[in-house]
Amino acid sequence: MVPMWMFPVALACGNTFVLKPSERVPSAAINMAEWLKEAGLPDGVFNVVNGDKEAVDALLLDPDVQAVSFVGSTPIARYIYETPRGPASAPRRSAAPRTIWSSCPTPTWTRRSTR
């Protein structure tokens, strides 16, 4: 499950994390959220949003969502990439599998490799 690679880093950097699993098989994500809560993670730090395209659109259009990572089919990836999100859309989308926050200092080699 790819979110297992992403959420620990996001949380360690002081971010909250919203996981929108497949609407067909959400049980692993729900279990993970329950385990994190049992382990003492505060409410609102790791969140699970169930749903279909409407849930995706709500996340994409929410101005509080600063980054989106996606695992799935090419047509859906294209939809996510091309969904207009206003002035904040450019830094929130990427065709490459990386996440870069403008507030994070990055080494020179990283800045060069992402151009």
N, C-alpha and C. Protein backbone atom coordinates (compact mmCIF):
# COMPACT_ATOMS: atom_id res chain seq x y z
N MET A 1 0.84 -1.17 0.00
CA MET A 1 0.00 0.00 0.00
C MET A 1 0.89 1.24 0.00
N VAL A 2 0.90 1.96 -1.10
CA VAL A 2 1.78 3.10 -1.29
C VAL A 2 1.63 4.19 -0.23
N PRO A 3 0.43 4.50 0.27
CA PRO A 3 0.35 5.53 1.33
C PRO A 3 1.22 5.22 2.54
N MET A 4 1.53 3.96 2.78
CA MET A 4 2.42 3.60 3.89
C MET A 4 3.80 4.22 3.70
N TRP A 5 4.17 4.52 2.46
CA TRP A 5 5.46 5.17 2.20
C TRP A 5 5.35 6.67 2.41
N MET A 6 4.16 7.22 2.22
CA MET A 6 4.00 8.68 2.20
C MET A 6 3.63 9.29 3.53
N PHE A 7 2.67 8.70 4.23
CA PHE A 7 2.15 9.39 5.41
C PHE A 7 3.16 9.54 6.54
N PRO A 8 4.08 8.59 6.77
CA PRO A 8 5.03 8.82 7.87
C PRO A 8 5.90 10.07 7.64
N VAL A 9 6.31 10.29 6.40
CA VAL A 9 7.13 11.46 6.10
C VAL A 9 6.31 12.74 6.26
N ALA A 10 5.08 12.72 5.75
CA ALA A 10 4.21 13.89 5.87
C ALA A 10 3.99 14.24 7.34
N LEU A 11 3.69 13.25 8.16
CA LEU A 11 3.44 13.50 9.57
C LEU A 11 4.70 13.95 10.29
N ALA A 12 5.84 13.34 9.96
CA ALA A 12 7.10 13.71 10.59
C ALA A 12 7.49 15.15 10.26
N CYS A 13 7.05 15.64 9.11
CA CYS A 13 7.34 17.03 8.72
C CYS A 13 6.32 18.01 9.28
N GLY A 14 5.37 17.52 10.07
CA GLY A 14 4.41 18.39 10.71
C GLY A 14 3.15 18.65 9.93
N ASN A 15 2.90 17.85 8.90
CA ASN A 15 1.70 18.02 8.09
C ASN A 15 0.59 17.08 8.56
N THR A 16 -0.62 17.38 8.15
CA THR A 16 -1.69 16.41 8.30
C THR A 16 -1.75 15.61 7.01
N PHE A 17 -2.47 14.49 7.03
CA PHE A 17 -2.52 13.60 5.87
C PHE A 17 -3.96 13.18 5.65
N VAL A 18 -4.40 13.29 4.40
CA VAL A 18 -5.74 12.84 4.02
C VAL A 18 -5.58 11.70 3.03
N LEU A 19 -6.11 10.56 3.36
CA LEU A 19 -6.04 9.39 2.48
C LEU A 19 -7.43 9.12 1.92
N LYS A 20 -7.52 9.10 0.60
CA LYS A 20 -8.78 8.78 -0.08
C LYS A 20 -8.56 7.44 -0.77
N PRO A 21 -8.91 6.33 -0.11
CA PRO A 21 -8.68 5.02 -0.71
C PRO A 21 -9.71 4.72 -1.80
N SER A 22 -9.48 3.65 -2.50
CA SER A 22 -10.47 3.19 -3.47
C SER A 22 -11.79 2.96 -2.76
N GLU A 23 -12.85 3.40 -3.40
CA GLU A 23 -14.17 3.20 -2.79
C GLU A 23 -14.55 1.73 -2.76
N ARG A 24 -13.85 0.90 -3.52
CA ARG A 24 -14.16 -0.54 -3.56
C ARG A 24 -13.55 -1.30 -2.38
N VAL A 25 -12.39 -0.84 -1.90
CA VAL A 25 -11.70 -1.56 -0.82
C VAL A 25 -11.10 -0.58 0.20
N PRO A 26 -11.94 0.07 0.98
CA PRO A 26 -11.42 1.07 1.93
C PRO A 26 -10.98 0.49 3.28
N SER A 27 -11.16 -0.81 3.49
CA SER A 27 -10.96 -1.36 4.83
C SER A 27 -9.52 -1.21 5.35
N ALA A 28 -8.52 -1.36 4.51
CA ALA A 28 -7.13 -1.23 4.98
C ALA A 28 -6.86 0.19 5.48
N ALA A 29 -7.36 1.19 4.75
CA ALA A 29 -7.16 2.58 5.15
C ALA A 29 -7.89 2.88 6.47
N ILE A 30 -9.09 2.37 6.60
CA ILE A 30 -9.86 2.58 7.83
C ILE A 30 -9.17 1.91 9.01
N ASN A 31 -8.68 0.69 8.81
CA ASN A 31 -7.94 0.00 9.87
C ASN A 31 -6.70 0.78 10.26
N MET A 32 -5.96 1.30 9.27
CA MET A 32 -4.75 2.05 9.56
C MET A 32 -5.08 3.29 10.39
N ALA A 33 -6.16 4.00 10.05
CA ALA A 33 -6.56 5.18 10.81
C ALA A 33 -6.92 4.80 12.25
N GLU A 34 -7.61 3.69 12.41
CA GLU A 34 -7.97 3.24 13.76
C GLU A 34 -6.72 2.90 14.58
N TRP A 35 -5.75 2.23 13.95
CA TRP A 35 -4.52 1.86 14.66
C TRP A 35 -3.72 3.10 15.05
N LEU A 36 -3.67 4.08 14.17
CA LEU A 36 -2.94 5.31 14.49
C LEU A 36 -3.62 6.05 15.64
N LYS A 37 -4.93 6.05 15.66
CA LYS A 37 -5.66 6.69 16.76
C LYS A 37 -5.39 5.95 18.07
N GLU A 38 -5.43 4.61 18.02
CA GLU A 38 -5.13 3.81 19.22
C GLU A 38 -3.72 4.05 19.71
N ALA A 39 -2.80 4.34 18.78
CA ALA A 39 -1.41 4.59 19.14
C ALA A 39 -1.20 5.98 19.73
N GLY A 40 -2.25 6.82 19.70
CA GLY A 40 -2.16 8.13 20.32
C GLY A 40 -2.06 9.30 19.36
N LEU A 41 -2.17 9.07 18.07
CA LEU A 41 -2.13 10.18 17.11
C LEU A 41 -3.37 11.06 17.32
N PRO A 42 -3.20 12.37 17.44
CA PRO A 42 -4.36 13.25 17.68
C PRO A 42 -5.36 13.22 16.53
N ASP A 43 -6.62 13.48 16.85
CA ASP A 43 -7.66 13.56 15.83
C ASP A 43 -7.30 14.64 14.81
N GLY A 44 -7.59 14.37 13.54
CA GLY A 44 -7.36 15.35 12.49
C GLY A 44 -5.97 15.32 11.87
N VAL A 45 -5.08 14.49 12.39
CA VAL A 45 -3.74 14.42 11.82
C VAL A 45 -3.69 13.42 10.67
N PHE A 46 -4.28 12.26 10.83
CA PHE A 46 -4.40 11.27 9.76
C PHE A 46 -5.89 11.09 9.50
N ASN A 47 -6.31 11.38 8.28
CA ASN A 47 -7.74 11.38 7.95
C ASN A 47 -8.02 10.45 6.78
N VAL A 48 -9.14 9.78 6.82
CA VAL A 48 -9.59 8.93 5.71
C VAL A 48 -10.88 9.51 5.17
N VAL A 49 -10.91 9.75 3.86
CA VAL A 49 -12.10 10.26 3.18
C VAL A 49 -12.55 9.18 2.22
N ASN A 50 -13.74 8.66 2.43
CA ASN A 50 -14.28 7.64 1.53
C ASN A 50 -15.15 8.31 0.49
N GLY A 51 -15.22 7.70 -0.69
CA GLY A 51 -16.08 8.24 -1.73
C GLY A 51 -15.52 8.00 -3.11
N ASP A 52 -16.21 8.56 -4.10
CA ASP A 52 -15.80 8.38 -5.48
C ASP A 52 -15.31 9.71 -6.05
N LYS A 53 -15.69 10.02 -7.28
CA LYS A 53 -15.22 11.22 -7.95
C LYS A 53 -15.57 12.49 -7.18
N GLU A 54 -16.70 12.52 -6.54
CA GLU A 54 -17.08 13.72 -5.77
C GLU A 54 -16.09 13.98 -4.64
N ALA A 55 -15.63 12.94 -3.99
CA ALA A 55 -14.65 13.10 -2.92
C ALA A 55 -13.32 13.59 -3.49
N VAL A 56 -12.93 13.04 -4.63
CA VAL A 56 -11.69 13.47 -5.28
C VAL A 56 -11.79 14.95 -5.65
N ASP A 57 -12.90 15.34 -6.26
CA ASP A 57 -13.08 16.74 -6.66
C ASP A 57 -13.04 17.66 -5.45
N ALA A 58 -13.66 17.25 -4.36
CA ALA A 58 -13.65 18.08 -3.15
C ALA A 58 -12.22 18.30 -2.66
N LEU A 59 -11.40 17.25 -2.69
CA LEU A 59 -10.00 17.40 -2.28
C LEU A 59 -9.22 18.27 -3.26
N LEU A 60 -9.43 18.06 -4.54
CA LEU A 60 -8.70 18.83 -5.55
C LEU A 60 -9.03 20.32 -5.50
N LEU A 61 -10.27 20.64 -5.20
CA LEU A 61 -10.71 22.03 -5.22
C LEU A 61 -10.57 22.74 -3.88
N ASP A 62 -10.23 22.01 -2.84
CA ASP A 62 -10.09 22.61 -1.51
C ASP A 62 -8.79 23.42 -1.43
N PRO A 63 -8.87 24.71 -1.14
CA PRO A 63 -7.65 25.53 -1.09
C PRO A 63 -6.72 25.15 0.06
N ASP A 64 -7.21 24.42 1.04
CA ASP A 64 -6.35 24.00 2.15
C ASP A 64 -5.49 22.79 1.80
N VAL A 65 -5.81 22.10 0.72
CA VAL A 65 -5.02 20.95 0.28
C VAL A 65 -3.83 21.49 -0.51
N GLN A 66 -2.63 21.30 0.03
CA GLN A 66 -1.45 21.89 -0.58
C GLN A 66 -0.69 20.94 -1.50
N ALA A 67 -0.94 19.66 -1.40
CA ALA A 67 -0.24 18.70 -2.25
C ALA A 67 -1.14 17.50 -2.47
N VAL A 68 -1.00 16.89 -3.64
CA VAL A 68 -1.78 15.71 -3.98
C VAL A 68 -0.82 14.67 -4.53
N SER A 69 -0.91 13.48 -4.01
CA SER A 69 -0.15 12.35 -4.54
C SER A 69 -1.16 11.32 -4.99
N PHE A 70 -0.87 10.62 -6.06
CA PHE A 70 -1.86 9.75 -6.67
C PHE A 70 -1.22 8.45 -7.11
N VAL A 71 -1.95 7.35 -6.93
CA VAL A 71 -1.56 6.05 -7.45
C VAL A 71 -2.79 5.48 -8.16
N GLY A 72 -2.65 5.17 -9.43
CA GLY A 72 -3.79 4.63 -10.16
C GLY A 72 -3.58 4.71 -11.66
N SER A 73 -4.68 4.74 -12.39
CA SER A 73 -4.64 4.68 -13.85
C SER A 73 -4.23 6.00 -14.48
N THR A 74 -3.73 5.93 -15.71
CA THR A 74 -3.32 7.11 -16.44
C THR A 74 -4.48 8.08 -16.70
N PRO A 75 -5.66 7.62 -17.12
CA PRO A 75 -6.75 8.58 -17.33
C PRO A 75 -7.13 9.37 -16.07
N ILE A 76 -7.13 8.71 -14.94
CA ILE A 76 -7.46 9.41 -13.69
C ILE A 76 -6.32 10.35 -13.30
N ALA A 77 -5.10 9.91 -13.50
CA ALA A 77 -3.95 10.79 -13.22
C ALA A 77 -4.03 12.04 -14.07
N ARG A 78 -4.37 11.89 -15.34
CA ARG A 78 -4.50 13.04 -16.23
C ARG A 78 -5.61 13.97 -15.73
N TYR A 79 -6.72 13.40 -15.30
CA TYR A 79 -7.83 14.20 -14.77
C TYR A 79 -7.37 15.01 -13.56
N ILE A 80 -6.66 14.37 -12.65
CA ILE A 80 -6.18 15.05 -11.45
C ILE A 80 -5.20 16.15 -11.82
N TYR A 81 -4.30 15.85 -12.73
CA TYR A 81 -3.28 16.82 -13.15
C TYR A 81 -3.91 18.03 -13.83
N GLU A 82 -4.94 17.80 -14.63
CA GLU A 82 -5.52 18.88 -15.42
C GLU A 82 -6.65 19.63 -14.74
N THR A 83 -7.09 19.18 -13.58
CA THR A 83 -8.17 19.87 -12.88
C THR A 83 -7.67 21.24 -12.43
N PRO A 84 -8.33 22.31 -12.89
CA PRO A 84 -7.87 23.65 -12.49
C PRO A 84 -8.15 23.89 -11.02
N ARG A 85 -7.17 24.47 -10.35
CA ARG A 85 -7.31 24.73 -8.93
C ARG A 85 -6.95 26.17 -8.59
N GLY A 86 -7.08 27.07 -9.55
CA GLY A 86 -6.81 28.48 -9.29
C GLY A 86 -5.33 28.78 -9.21
N PRO A 87 -4.96 29.91 -8.58
CA PRO A 87 -3.57 30.34 -8.56
C PRO A 87 -2.63 29.35 -7.87
N ALA A 88 -3.17 28.54 -6.97
CA ALA A 88 -2.31 27.60 -6.22
C ALA A 88 -2.08 26.31 -6.98
N SER A 89 -2.62 26.15 -8.18
CA SER A 89 -2.57 24.85 -8.84
C SER A 89 -1.18 24.45 -9.29
N ALA A 90 -0.37 25.36 -9.74
CA ALA A 90 0.94 24.99 -10.27
C ALA A 90 1.81 24.26 -9.25
N PRO A 91 1.96 24.77 -8.01
CA PRO A 91 2.82 24.05 -7.08
C PRO A 91 2.19 22.78 -6.52
N ARG A 92 0.89 22.58 -6.74
CA ARG A 92 0.21 21.43 -6.15
C ARG A 92 0.17 20.25 -7.08
N ARG A 93 0.69 20.36 -8.27
CA ARG A 93 0.60 19.22 -9.17
C ARG A 93 1.94 18.94 -9.80
N SER A 94 2.16 17.70 -10.11
CA SER A 94 3.43 17.28 -10.67
C SER A 94 3.22 16.01 -11.46
N ALA A 95 3.88 15.89 -12.58
CA ALA A 95 3.77 14.68 -13.38
C ALA A 95 4.75 13.62 -12.89
N ALA A 96 5.67 14.01 -12.03
CA ALA A 96 6.69 13.09 -11.53
C ALA A 96 6.32 12.65 -10.12
N PRO A 97 6.77 11.46 -9.71
CA PRO A 97 6.45 10.96 -8.37
C PRO A 97 7.31 11.59 -7.29
N ARG A 98 7.03 12.85 -6.99
CA ARG A 98 7.77 13.53 -5.93
C ARG A 98 6.84 14.57 -5.30
N THR A 99 7.18 14.97 -4.11
CA THR A 99 6.44 16.02 -3.43
C THR A 99 7.44 17.03 -2.95
N ILE A 100 7.27 18.29 -3.34
CA ILE A 100 8.18 19.35 -2.92
C ILE A 100 7.34 20.49 -2.38
N TRP A 101 7.59 20.85 -1.14
CA TRP A 101 6.90 21.97 -0.52
C TRP A 101 7.78 23.19 -0.65
N SER A 102 7.21 24.32 -1.01
CA SER A 102 7.99 25.54 -1.17
C SER A 102 8.61 25.98 0.15
N SER A 103 8.02 25.58 1.27
CA SER A 103 8.56 25.99 2.57
C SER A 103 9.74 25.13 3.03
N CYS A 104 10.01 24.03 2.33
CA CYS A 104 11.11 23.15 2.72
C CYS A 104 12.40 23.56 2.04
N PRO A 105 13.49 23.71 2.79
CA PRO A 105 14.76 23.98 2.14
C PRO A 105 15.20 22.74 1.35
N THR A 106 15.69 22.95 0.16
CA THR A 106 16.12 21.82 -0.66
C THR A 106 17.55 22.03 -1.08
N PRO A 107 18.33 20.96 -1.11
CA PRO A 107 19.72 21.09 -1.56
C PRO A 107 19.77 21.49 -3.03
N THR A 108 20.90 22.06 -3.43
CA THR A 108 21.07 22.52 -4.81
C THR A 108 20.83 21.40 -5.80
N TRP A 109 21.32 20.21 -5.53
CA TRP A 109 21.16 19.11 -6.49
C TRP A 109 19.69 18.76 -6.69
N THR A 110 18.86 18.93 -5.65
CA THR A 110 17.44 18.64 -5.79
C THR A 110 16.76 19.66 -6.66
N ARG A 111 17.08 20.94 -6.45
CA ARG A 111 16.47 21.99 -7.27
C ARG A 111 16.82 21.79 -8.74
N ARG A 112 18.05 21.40 -9.01
CA ARG A 112 18.45 21.20 -10.41
C ARG A 112 17.72 20.01 -11.04
N SER A 113 17.53 18.97 -10.27
CA SER A 113 16.94 17.75 -10.84
C SER A 113 15.45 17.89 -11.08
N THR A 114 14.80 18.90 -10.50
CA THR A 114 13.35 19.01 -10.66
C THR A 114 12.94 20.03 -11.71
N ARG A 115 13.89 20.59 -12.42
CA ARG A 115 13.55 21.57 -13.46
C ARG A 115 13.20 20.91 -14.76
